[in-house]
Amino acid sequence: MFYKSFSVTGEANKTVMDSGLISTIEEPKIIKAVLIDVSAYQGNILEGWIETERILSIEDRVLNTSHIIAVDHCAVSTTKIVRIPIDEAIKPGMIFKIGINCGAAPSNITGAYEYIRTV
């Protein structure tokens, strides 16, 4: 299992995407899951895409946040989503991207792609 971190700073009334996880002929990948944390609950939408196909759309209110209590050493939530299972092959030459679609009040996301190499 491999991990690649990401951080996306949301912008009001925009969708902002991470640079993504790239699958190549030399190193094809399967995205197993996304580990996620949001900065605030604003009713924004977390989106996951493989090229032009959206495979994930989740409102931020169901995701984990470690920012509400303003403590760096807080416990991980037991009632909010921390790990989103995906288990999708990314064809060589394609990119899996995660992003945040914000309304008037932006929020940020941080986390990691959990993936395996298939070669």
C-alpha atoms as a PDB file:
ATOM      1  CA  MET A   1       0.000   0.000   0.000  1.00  0.00           C
ATOM      2  CA  PHE A   2       1.246   3.478  -0.878  1.00  0.00           C
ATOM      3  CA  TYR A   3       0.108   6.963   0.142  1.00  0.00           C
ATOM      4  CA  LYS A   4       0.367  10.376  -1.509  1.00  0.00           C
ATOM      5  CA  SER A   5      -0.677  13.418   0.506  1.00  0.00           C
ATOM      6  CA  PHE A   6      -2.776  16.280  -0.824  1.00  0.00           C
ATOM      7  CA  SER A   7      -3.982  19.658   0.360  1.00  0.00           C
ATOM      8  CA  VAL A   8      -6.594  21.785  -1.384  1.00  0.00           C
ATOM      9  CA  THR A   9      -7.438  25.365  -0.407  1.00  0.00           C
ATOM     10  CA  GLY A  10     -11.056  26.059  -1.285  1.00  0.00           C
ATOM     11  CA  GLU A  11     -12.199  29.259  -2.987  1.00  0.00           C
ATOM     12  CA  ALA A  12     -15.658  30.827  -2.782  1.00  0.00           C
ATOM     13  CA  ASN A  13     -18.006  29.771  -5.592  1.00  0.00           C
ATOM     14  CA  LYS A  14     -15.397  27.571  -7.307  1.00  0.00           C
ATOM     15  CA  THR A  15     -14.287  23.967  -7.573  1.00  0.00           C
ATOM     16  CA  VAL A  16     -10.583  23.596  -6.784  1.00  0.00           C
ATOM     17  CA  MET A  17      -8.825  20.297  -7.525  1.00  0.00           C
ATOM     18  CA  ASP A  18      -5.561  18.749  -6.372  1.00  0.00           C
ATOM     19  CA  SER A  19      -2.932  17.841  -9.005  1.00  0.00           C
ATOM     20  CA  GLY A  20      -3.978  14.228  -8.520  1.00  0.00           C
ATOM     21  CA  LEU A  21      -2.652  10.689  -8.646  1.00  0.00           C
ATOM     22  CA  ILE A  22      -1.285   9.789 -12.094  1.00  0.00           C
ATOM     23  CA  SER A  23      -1.315   6.266 -13.496  1.00  0.00           C
ATOM     24  CA  THR A  24       1.317   5.491 -16.136  1.00  0.00           C
ATOM     25  CA  ILE A  25       2.144   2.539 -18.379  1.00  0.00           C
ATOM     26  CA  GLU A  26       5.297   1.958 -16.309  1.00  0.00           C
ATOM     27  CA  GLU A  27       3.411   2.298 -13.021  1.00  0.00           C
ATOM     28  CA  PRO A  28      -0.347   1.640 -13.283  1.00  0.00           C
ATOM     29  CA  LYS A  29      -2.317   2.328 -10.114  1.00  0.00           C
ATOM     30  CA  ILE A  30      -5.502   1.357  -8.328  1.00  0.00           C
ATOM     31  CA  ILE A  31      -6.933   3.994  -6.001  1.00  0.00           C
ATOM     32  CA  LYS A  32      -8.040   2.075  -2.915  1.00  0.00           C
ATOM     33  CA  ALA A  33      -9.305   4.951  -0.752  1.00  0.00           C
ATOM     34  CA  VAL A  34      -9.041   8.602   0.174  1.00  0.00           C
ATOM     35  CA  LEU A  35      -8.132   9.645   3.713  1.00  0.00           C
ATOM     36  CA  ILE A  36      -9.792  13.004   4.329  1.00  0.00           C
ATOM     37  CA  ASP A  37     -10.114  15.899   6.771  1.00  0.00           C
ATOM     38  CA  VAL A  38     -12.022  19.163   6.155  1.00  0.00           C
ATOM     39  CA  SER A  39     -11.301  22.520   7.749  1.00  0.00           C
ATOM     40  CA  ALA A  40     -14.940  23.438   8.454  1.00  0.00           C
ATOM     41  CA  TYR A  41     -18.499  22.365   7.825  1.00  0.00           C
ATOM     42  CA  GLN A  42     -19.844  24.798   5.219  1.00  0.00           C
ATOM     43  CA  GLY A  43     -22.112  22.574   3.127  1.00  0.00           C
ATOM     44  CA  ASN A  44     -19.432  22.294   0.429  1.00  0.00           C
ATOM     45  CA  ILE A  45     -19.034  19.191  -1.732  1.00  0.00           C
ATOM     46  CA  LEU A  46     -15.997  16.905  -1.831  1.00  0.00           C
ATOM     47  CA  GLU A  47     -15.540  15.614  -5.391  1.00  0.00           C
ATOM     48  CA  GLY A  48     -13.426  12.784  -6.818  1.00  0.00           C
ATOM     49  CA  TRP A  49     -12.781  12.447 -10.551  1.00  0.00           C
ATOM     50  CA  ILE A  50     -11.037  10.060 -12.924  1.00  0.00           C
ATOM     51  CA  GLU A  51     -10.457  12.398 -15.852  1.00  0.00           C
ATOM     52  CA  THR A  52     -13.986  13.567 -16.844  1.00  0.00           C
ATOM     53  CA  GLU A  53     -15.956  11.010 -14.806  1.00  0.00           C
ATOM     54  CA  ARG A  54     -17.045  12.059 -11.325  1.00  0.00           C
ATOM     55  CA  ILE A  55     -16.946   8.985  -9.089  1.00  0.00           C
ATOM     56  CA  LEU A  56     -17.331  10.728  -5.730  1.00  0.00           C
ATOM     57  CA  SER A  57     -19.567  13.514  -4.436  1.00  0.00           C
ATOM     58  CA  ILE A  58     -19.988  13.905  -0.659  1.00  0.00           C
ATOM     59  CA  GLU A  59     -21.113  16.878   1.440  1.00  0.00           C
ATOM     60  CA  ASP A  60     -18.444  18.075   3.880  1.00  0.00           C
ATOM     61  CA  ARG A  61     -20.739  17.763   6.924  1.00  0.00           C
ATOM     62  CA  VAL A  62     -20.322  13.958   6.954  1.00  0.00           C
ATOM     63  CA  LEU A  63     -16.505  14.121   6.824  1.00  0.00           C
ATOM     64  CA  ASN A  64     -14.039  14.296   9.699  1.00  0.00           C
ATOM     65  CA  THR A  65     -12.646  17.633  10.829  1.00  0.00           C
ATOM     66  CA  SER A  66      -9.861  18.211  13.323  1.00  0.00           C
ATOM     67  CA  HIS A  67     -10.225  21.983  13.134  1.00  0.00           C
ATOM     68  CA  ILE A  68     -13.438  22.500  15.102  1.00  0.00           C
ATOM     69  CA  ILE A  69     -11.880  22.123  18.536  1.00  0.00           C
ATOM     70  CA  ALA A  70      -8.703  23.969  17.484  1.00  0.00           C
ATOM     71  CA  VAL A  71      -6.380  21.355  18.949  1.00  0.00           C
ATOM     72  CA  ASP A  72      -3.644  19.672  16.935  1.00  0.00           C
ATOM     73  CA  HIS A  73      -3.817  16.467  18.960  1.00  0.00           C
ATOM     74  CA  CYS A  74      -7.545  15.776  18.829  1.00  0.00           C
ATOM     75  CA  ALA A  75      -8.966  12.293  18.436  1.00  0.00           C
ATOM     76  CA  VAL A  76     -10.232  11.040  15.090  1.00  0.00           C
ATOM     77  CA  SER A  77     -14.004  11.070  14.895  1.00  0.00           C
ATOM     78  CA  THR A  78     -15.895   7.824  15.355  1.00  0.00           C
ATOM     79  CA  THR A  79     -19.059   9.193  13.734  1.00  0.00           C
ATOM     80  CA  LYS A  80     -17.686  11.059  10.703  1.00  0.00           C
ATOM     81  CA  ILE A  81     -16.025   9.709   7.562  1.00  0.00           C
ATOM     82  CA  VAL A  82     -12.224   9.569   7.757  1.00  0.00           C
ATOM     83  CA  ARG A  83     -11.538   7.005   5.000  1.00  0.00           C
ATOM     84  CA  ILE A  84     -13.575   6.833   1.786  1.00  0.00           C
ATOM     85  CA  PRO A  85     -13.205   3.444   0.028  1.00  0.00           C
ATOM     86  CA  ILE A  86     -12.962   3.733  -3.777  1.00  0.00           C
ATOM     87  CA  ASP A  87     -11.184   0.652  -5.202  1.00  0.00           C
ATOM     88  CA  GLU A  88     -11.039   1.821  -8.848  1.00  0.00           C
ATOM     89  CA  ALA A  89      -8.338   1.086 -11.410  1.00  0.00           C
ATOM     90  CA  ILE A  90      -6.865   4.197 -12.984  1.00  0.00           C
ATOM     91  CA  LYS A  91      -6.060   3.447 -16.616  1.00  0.00           C
ATOM     92  CA  PRO A  92      -2.540   4.396 -17.746  1.00  0.00           C
ATOM     93  CA  GLY A  93      -2.403   8.034 -18.786  1.00  0.00           C
ATOM     94  CA  MET A  94      -5.351   8.981 -16.577  1.00  0.00           C
ATOM     95  CA  ILE A  95      -5.452  10.950 -13.325  1.00  0.00           C
ATOM     96  CA  PHE A  96      -7.588  10.569 -10.202  1.00  0.00           C
ATOM     97  CA  LYS A  97      -8.189  13.981  -8.613  1.00  0.00           C
ATOM     98  CA  ILE A  98      -9.850  15.087  -5.410  1.00  0.00           C
ATOM     99  CA  GLY A  99     -11.244  18.563  -4.906  1.00  0.00           C
ATOM    100  CA  ILE A 100     -13.678  20.774  -3.053  1.00  0.00           C
ATOM    101  CA  ASN A 101     -16.654  22.486  -4.683  1.00  0.00           C
ATOM    102  CA  CYS A 102     -17.322  25.522  -2.482  1.00  0.00           C
ATOM    103  CA  GLY A 103     -20.291  27.826  -2.211  1.00  0.00           C
ATOM    104  CA  ALA A 104     -20.014  31.313  -0.695  1.00  0.00           C
ATOM    105  CA  ALA A 105     -18.130  30.030   2.388  1.00  0.00           C
ATOM    106  CA  PRO A 106     -14.971  28.131   1.383  1.00  0.00           C
ATOM    107  CA  SER A 107     -13.372  25.255   3.276  1.00  0.00           C
ATOM    108  CA  ASN A 108     -10.131  23.345   2.781  1.00  0.00           C
ATOM    109  CA  ILE A 109      -9.342  19.652   2.567  1.00  0.00           C
ATOM    110  CA  THR A 110      -6.236  17.708   3.486  1.00  0.00           C
ATOM    111  CA  GLY A 111      -5.555  14.023   3.326  1.00  0.00           C
ATOM    112  CA  ALA A 112      -3.927  11.277   1.322  1.00  0.00           C
ATOM    113  CA  TYR A 113      -4.562   8.997  -1.618  1.00  0.00           C
ATOM    114  CA  GLU A 114      -4.261   5.344  -0.613  1.00  0.00           C
ATOM    115  CA  TYR A 115      -3.243   3.283  -3.645  1.00  0.00           C
ATOM    116  CA  ILE A 116      -1.456   0.207  -4.924  1.00  0.00           C
ATOM    117  CA  ARG A 117       0.826  -0.256  -7.892  1.00  0.00           C
ATOM    118  CA  THR A 118      -0.287  -3.074 -10.162  1.00  0.00           C
ATOM    119  CA  VAL A 119       3.138  -3.881 -11.634  1.00  0.00           C
END
